[in-house]
Structures are given as C-alpha cells and as structure tokens.
Amino acid sequence: MDIRALQQRLRRFAAERDWQPYQTPKNLAMAMTVEAAELLEIFQWLTPEQSLRLDDDQRRHLGEELSDVLLYLLQIADHAGVDLEAAVERKLALNAIKHPPLSRS
C-alpha cells in the first residue's frame, strides 16, 4: 500500500468536490470516530467466537468500515503534516521497549 499515493488520491477526490474547507484534522477525526463506531456495530451483539467466524456479507461490510477508518486516518495525517510511516515505525519501536518479549524457560 502506497500511503502517499492514497493521500494524493484523497486530496484530489476532496478537491473535485470542493470539500477542502471541511478537511481539517478536527473534522476528519470526528468523522473517523463515527466510522469506528460503525465498525464496532458489526461486532456489537456477537460472541467472541462469532466475531472470528464472519460470513461473506459480514466480512464485506467489515472491509468497507475498516476502509472508511483507514481513509480518514490517512487524511488526518496528511492534513496535520504527520509522516505516518515514520510515526508507525517509531511507535512500533517504543512498543517493543515498553512490552518486551516474554522469556521462555
């Protein structure tokens, strides 16, 4: 996945619709939260076991909601000037320090 290319496509998509005035990190974060709630709704009444065995329609719906969250996340990073690839690498390194592997005896 080419993050920068996706961000460019999203910028072009918004520009073609004159959405730029609304594309602020605050507004995008709020919209992403709404999409995350729609993602959660898929699992709301499922047992943990059922959540692991989604049917084709549920999996398609899940993919759509995951995509919505990801696209908003990419837009937030783009508009806020965050290099998402660098931020992810840094966070993974910090997590590795904070949560070292379990020692196996």
N, C-alpha and C. Protein backbone atom coordinates (compact mmCIF):
# COMPACT_ATOMS: atom_id res chain seq x y z
N MET A 1 0.85 -1.17 0.00
CA MET A 1 0.00 0.00 0.00
C MET A 1 0.90 1.24 0.00
N ASP A 2 0.66 2.11 -0.93
CA ASP A 2 1.44 3.34 -1.05
C ASP A 2 0.66 4.47 -0.36
N ILE A 3 1.06 4.78 0.86
CA ILE A 3 0.34 5.76 1.67
C ILE A 3 0.30 7.12 0.99
N ARG A 4 1.43 7.58 0.50
CA ARG A 4 1.47 8.91 -0.12
C ARG A 4 0.57 8.99 -1.36
N ALA A 5 0.55 7.92 -2.14
CA ALA A 5 -0.32 7.91 -3.33
C ALA A 5 -1.79 7.93 -2.92
N LEU A 6 -2.13 7.21 -1.87
CA LEU A 6 -3.51 7.24 -1.38
C LEU A 6 -3.88 8.62 -0.88
N GLN A 7 -2.97 9.26 -0.17
CA GLN A 7 -3.24 10.61 0.33
C GLN A 7 -3.45 11.58 -0.84
N GLN A 8 -2.66 11.44 -1.90
CA GLN A 8 -2.84 12.29 -3.07
C GLN A 8 -4.21 12.05 -3.72
N ARG A 9 -4.61 10.77 -3.82
CA ARG A 9 -5.92 10.45 -4.38
C ARG A 9 -7.03 11.06 -3.53
N LEU A 10 -6.88 10.99 -2.21
CA LEU A 10 -7.90 11.54 -1.32
C LEU A 10 -7.96 13.06 -1.44
N ARG A 11 -6.80 13.72 -1.58
CA ARG A 11 -6.78 15.17 -1.77
C ARG A 11 -7.49 15.55 -3.06
N ARG A 12 -7.20 14.82 -4.12
CA ARG A 12 -7.82 15.08 -5.43
C ARG A 12 -9.34 14.84 -5.36
N PHE A 13 -9.75 13.75 -4.71
CA PHE A 13 -11.16 13.43 -4.54
C PHE A 13 -11.88 14.57 -3.81
N ALA A 14 -11.29 15.06 -2.73
CA ALA A 14 -11.89 16.16 -1.96
C ALA A 14 -11.93 17.45 -2.79
N ALA A 15 -10.85 17.73 -3.52
CA ALA A 15 -10.79 18.96 -4.33
C ALA A 15 -11.86 18.95 -5.42
N GLU A 16 -12.10 17.80 -6.03
CA GLU A 16 -13.11 17.70 -7.09
C GLU A 16 -14.51 17.96 -6.55
N ARG A 17 -14.69 17.89 -5.26
CA ARG A 17 -16.00 18.09 -4.63
C ARG A 17 -16.06 19.36 -3.77
N ASP A 18 -14.97 20.13 -3.82
CA ASP A 18 -14.87 21.36 -3.01
C ASP A 18 -15.04 21.08 -1.52
N TRP A 19 -14.46 20.00 -1.06
CA TRP A 19 -14.56 19.63 0.35
C TRP A 19 -13.40 20.18 1.19
N GLN A 20 -12.41 20.82 0.56
CA GLN A 20 -11.22 21.26 1.30
C GLN A 20 -11.54 22.09 2.54
N PRO A 21 -12.52 23.01 2.51
CA PRO A 21 -12.77 23.80 3.74
C PRO A 21 -13.15 22.94 4.94
N TYR A 22 -13.67 21.76 4.68
CA TYR A 22 -14.13 20.88 5.76
C TYR A 22 -13.08 19.84 6.16
N GLN A 23 -12.00 19.78 5.40
CA GLN A 23 -10.98 18.76 5.62
C GLN A 23 -9.95 19.20 6.64
N THR A 24 -10.40 19.49 7.85
CA THR A 24 -9.48 19.86 8.93
C THR A 24 -9.22 18.62 9.78
N PRO A 25 -8.08 18.56 10.45
CA PRO A 25 -7.82 17.40 11.31
C PRO A 25 -8.95 17.16 12.32
N LYS A 26 -9.50 18.22 12.89
CA LYS A 26 -10.59 18.08 13.86
C LYS A 26 -11.81 17.42 13.22
N ASN A 27 -12.25 17.93 12.08
CA ASN A 27 -13.42 17.37 11.42
C ASN A 27 -13.18 15.94 10.96
N LEU A 28 -12.00 15.69 10.43
CA LEU A 28 -11.67 14.35 9.96
C LEU A 28 -11.61 13.36 11.12
N ALA A 29 -11.08 13.79 12.26
CA ALA A 29 -11.03 12.92 13.44
C ALA A 29 -12.44 12.60 13.93
N MET A 30 -13.31 13.59 13.91
CA MET A 30 -14.70 13.33 14.32
C MET A 30 -15.36 12.35 13.35
N ALA A 31 -15.15 12.53 12.06
CA ALA A 31 -15.73 11.62 11.08
C ALA A 31 -15.16 10.21 11.23
N MET A 32 -13.87 10.11 11.52
CA MET A 32 -13.27 8.80 11.71
C MET A 32 -13.88 8.09 12.93
N THR A 33 -14.19 8.85 13.97
CA THR A 33 -14.80 8.28 15.16
C THR A 33 -16.18 7.71 14.83
N VAL A 34 -16.93 8.40 14.01
CA VAL A 34 -18.23 7.89 13.58
C VAL A 34 -18.05 6.58 12.82
N GLU A 35 -17.08 6.54 11.93
CA GLU A 35 -16.82 5.31 11.17
C GLU A 35 -16.34 4.19 12.08
N ALA A 36 -15.55 4.52 13.09
CA ALA A 36 -15.10 3.50 14.04
C ALA A 36 -16.29 2.92 14.80
N ALA A 37 -17.27 3.77 15.10
CA ALA A 37 -18.48 3.28 15.77
C ALA A 37 -19.25 2.34 14.85
N GLU A 38 -19.28 2.63 13.56
CA GLU A 38 -19.93 1.74 12.60
C GLU A 38 -19.18 0.41 12.51
N LEU A 39 -17.87 0.46 12.63
CA LEU A 39 -17.06 -0.75 12.68
C LEU A 39 -17.43 -1.58 13.92
N LEU A 40 -17.52 -0.92 15.04
CA LEU A 40 -17.87 -1.60 16.29
C LEU A 40 -19.26 -2.22 16.22
N GLU A 41 -20.17 -1.56 15.51
CA GLU A 41 -21.54 -2.04 15.40
C GLU A 41 -21.61 -3.44 14.78
N ILE A 42 -20.70 -3.75 13.90
CA ILE A 42 -20.67 -5.08 13.27
C ILE A 42 -20.52 -6.17 14.32
N PHE A 43 -19.74 -5.90 15.36
CA PHE A 43 -19.44 -6.89 16.38
C PHE A 43 -20.31 -6.78 17.63
N GLN A 44 -21.16 -5.76 17.68
CA GLN A 44 -21.85 -5.39 18.91
C GLN A 44 -22.52 -6.56 19.62
N TRP A 45 -23.26 -7.38 18.95
CA TRP A 45 -24.02 -8.44 19.63
C TRP A 45 -23.46 -9.83 19.35
N LEU A 46 -22.25 -9.88 18.81
CA LEU A 46 -21.63 -11.18 18.55
C LEU A 46 -20.84 -11.65 19.76
N THR A 47 -20.76 -12.95 19.93
CA THR A 47 -19.87 -13.50 20.94
C THR A 47 -18.45 -13.40 20.41
N PRO A 48 -17.44 -13.53 21.27
CA PRO A 48 -16.07 -13.53 20.76
C PRO A 48 -15.85 -14.60 19.67
N GLU A 49 -16.47 -15.75 19.85
CA GLU A 49 -16.32 -16.83 18.86
C GLU A 49 -16.97 -16.45 17.53
N GLN A 50 -18.16 -15.86 17.59
CA GLN A 50 -18.84 -15.44 16.36
C GLN A 50 -18.05 -14.36 15.63
N SER A 51 -17.39 -13.50 16.39
CA SER A 51 -16.63 -12.41 15.76
C SER A 51 -15.46 -12.95 14.95
N LEU A 52 -15.04 -14.18 15.23
CA LEU A 52 -13.95 -14.81 14.49
C LEU A 52 -14.44 -15.56 13.26
N ARG A 53 -15.76 -15.73 13.14
CA ARG A 53 -16.34 -16.51 12.04
C ARG A 53 -17.40 -15.70 11.30
N LEU A 54 -17.01 -14.60 10.73
CA LEU A 54 -17.95 -13.77 9.98
C LEU A 54 -18.29 -14.43 8.65
N ASP A 55 -19.54 -14.25 8.22
CA ASP A 55 -19.90 -14.77 6.90
C ASP A 55 -19.43 -13.77 5.83
N ASP A 56 -19.64 -14.12 4.58
CA ASP A 56 -19.12 -13.30 3.48
C ASP A 56 -19.68 -11.88 3.50
N ASP A 57 -20.98 -11.73 3.77
CA ASP A 57 -21.58 -10.40 3.81
C ASP A 57 -21.02 -9.58 4.97
N GLN A 58 -20.87 -10.20 6.12
CA GLN A 58 -20.30 -9.50 7.27
C GLN A 58 -18.85 -9.10 7.00
N ARG A 59 -18.09 -9.99 6.36
CA ARG A 59 -16.70 -9.69 6.06
C ARG A 59 -16.58 -8.55 5.05
N ARG A 60 -17.48 -8.51 4.06
CA ARG A 60 -17.51 -7.42 3.09
C ARG A 60 -17.82 -6.11 3.80
N HIS A 61 -18.83 -6.13 4.67
CA HIS A 61 -19.20 -4.93 5.43
C HIS A 61 -18.03 -4.49 6.32
N LEU A 62 -17.39 -5.44 6.97
CA LEU A 62 -16.22 -5.14 7.80
C LEU A 62 -15.14 -4.46 6.98
N GLY A 63 -14.87 -4.98 5.79
CA GLY A 63 -13.87 -4.36 4.91
C GLY A 63 -14.21 -2.93 4.55
N GLU A 64 -15.48 -2.66 4.32
CA GLU A 64 -15.91 -1.30 3.99
C GLU A 64 -15.68 -0.35 5.16
N GLU A 65 -16.05 -0.80 6.36
CA GLU A 65 -15.89 0.07 7.53
C GLU A 65 -14.41 0.24 7.90
N LEU A 66 -13.62 -0.81 7.78
CA LEU A 66 -12.18 -0.69 8.01
C LEU A 66 -11.57 0.31 7.03
N SER A 67 -12.01 0.24 5.78
CA SER A 67 -11.51 1.17 4.76
C SER A 67 -11.87 2.60 5.10
N ASP A 68 -13.11 2.82 5.55
CA ASP A 68 -13.51 4.18 5.93
C ASP A 68 -12.60 4.73 7.03
N VAL A 69 -12.34 3.91 8.05
CA VAL A 69 -11.49 4.36 9.16
C VAL A 69 -10.08 4.66 8.65
N LEU A 70 -9.55 3.77 7.82
CA LEU A 70 -8.19 3.96 7.29
C LEU A 70 -8.10 5.22 6.43
N LEU A 71 -9.09 5.44 5.59
CA LEU A 71 -9.04 6.61 4.71
C LEU A 71 -9.09 7.91 5.51
N TYR A 72 -9.93 7.95 6.54
CA TYR A 72 -9.95 9.14 7.39
C TYR A 72 -8.62 9.30 8.13
N LEU A 73 -8.06 8.21 8.60
CA LEU A 73 -6.77 8.27 9.30
C LEU A 73 -5.68 8.83 8.39
N LEU A 74 -5.66 8.37 7.15
CA LEU A 74 -4.68 8.88 6.19
C LEU A 74 -4.88 10.38 5.95
N GLN A 75 -6.12 10.81 5.88
CA GLN A 75 -6.39 12.23 5.66
C GLN A 75 -5.99 13.08 6.86
N ILE A 76 -6.24 12.58 8.06
CA ILE A 76 -5.83 13.31 9.26
C ILE A 76 -4.32 13.51 9.24
N ALA A 77 -3.59 12.43 9.01
CA ALA A 77 -2.13 12.52 8.98
C ALA A 77 -1.67 13.50 7.91
N ASP A 78 -2.28 13.43 6.74
CA ASP A 78 -1.91 14.30 5.63
C ASP A 78 -2.13 15.77 5.99
N HIS A 79 -3.29 16.09 6.48
CA HIS A 79 -3.63 17.49 6.79
C HIS A 79 -2.89 18.01 8.03
N ALA A 80 -2.49 17.12 8.91
CA ALA A 80 -1.76 17.53 10.12
C ALA A 80 -0.25 17.51 9.90
N GLY A 81 0.20 17.06 8.73
CA GLY A 81 1.63 17.04 8.43
C GLY A 81 2.39 15.94 9.17
N VAL A 82 1.72 14.84 9.43
CA VAL A 82 2.37 13.71 10.12
C VAL A 82 2.82 12.70 9.08
N ASP A 83 4.10 12.35 9.12
CA ASP A 83 4.62 11.28 8.28
C ASP A 83 4.20 9.97 8.95
N LEU A 84 3.13 9.39 8.45
CA LEU A 84 2.53 8.24 9.10
C LEU A 84 3.46 7.03 9.11
N GLU A 85 4.20 6.82 8.03
CA GLU A 85 5.14 5.69 8.01
C GLU A 85 6.19 5.84 9.10
N ALA A 86 6.75 7.02 9.24
CA ALA A 86 7.76 7.27 10.28
C ALA A 86 7.14 7.14 11.67
N ALA A 87 5.92 7.65 11.82
CA ALA A 87 5.25 7.58 13.12
C ALA A 87 4.97 6.13 13.52
N VAL A 88 4.58 5.31 12.56
CA VAL A 88 4.31 3.89 12.84
C VAL A 88 5.61 3.18 13.24
N GLU A 89 6.67 3.43 12.51
CA GLU A 89 7.95 2.79 12.85
C GLU A 89 8.40 3.19 14.26
N ARG A 90 8.27 4.47 14.57
CA ARG A 90 8.66 4.95 15.90
C ARG A 90 7.81 4.30 16.98
N LYS A 91 6.50 4.21 16.74
CA LYS A 91 5.60 3.62 17.73
C LYS A 91 5.87 2.14 17.93
N LEU A 92 6.15 1.43 16.86
CA LEU A 92 6.50 0.00 16.99
C LEU A 92 7.76 -0.18 17.82
N ALA A 93 8.75 0.68 17.60
CA ALA A 93 9.98 0.61 18.38
C ALA A 93 9.71 0.91 19.85
N LEU A 94 8.90 1.92 20.12
CA LEU A 94 8.55 2.26 21.51
C LEU A 94 7.77 1.11 22.16
N ASN A 95 6.85 0.50 21.42
CA ASN A 95 6.09 -0.62 21.96
C ASN A 95 6.99 -1.81 22.29
N ALA A 96 8.01 -2.03 21.47
CA ALA A 96 8.92 -3.14 21.72
C ALA A 96 9.70 -2.93 23.02
N ILE A 97 10.01 -1.68 23.32
CA ILE A 97 10.70 -1.36 24.57
C ILE A 97 9.73 -1.50 25.74
N LYS A 98 8.56 -0.95 25.58
CA LYS A 98 7.55 -0.96 26.65
C LYS A 98 7.03 -2.36 26.96
N HIS A 99 6.94 -3.19 25.94
CA HIS A 99 6.41 -4.55 26.09
C HIS A 99 7.41 -5.55 25.52
N PRO A 100 8.47 -5.86 26.28
CA PRO A 100 9.49 -6.80 25.77
C PRO A 100 8.89 -8.21 25.64
N PRO A 101 9.52 -9.02 24.79
CA PRO A 101 9.05 -10.39 24.61
C PRO A 101 9.06 -11.15 25.94
N LEU A 102 8.16 -12.10 26.07
CA LEU A 102 8.15 -12.95 27.25
C LEU A 102 9.36 -13.88 27.20
N SER A 103 9.98 -14.06 28.31
CA SER A 103 11.10 -15.00 28.34
C SER A 103 10.54 -16.41 28.48
N ARG A 104 11.06 -17.30 27.69
CA ARG A 104 10.61 -18.71 27.70
C ARG A 104 11.66 -19.55 28.40
N SER A 105 11.26 -20.17 29.50
CA SER A 105 12.21 -21.00 30.25
C SER A 105 12.03 -22.45 29.95
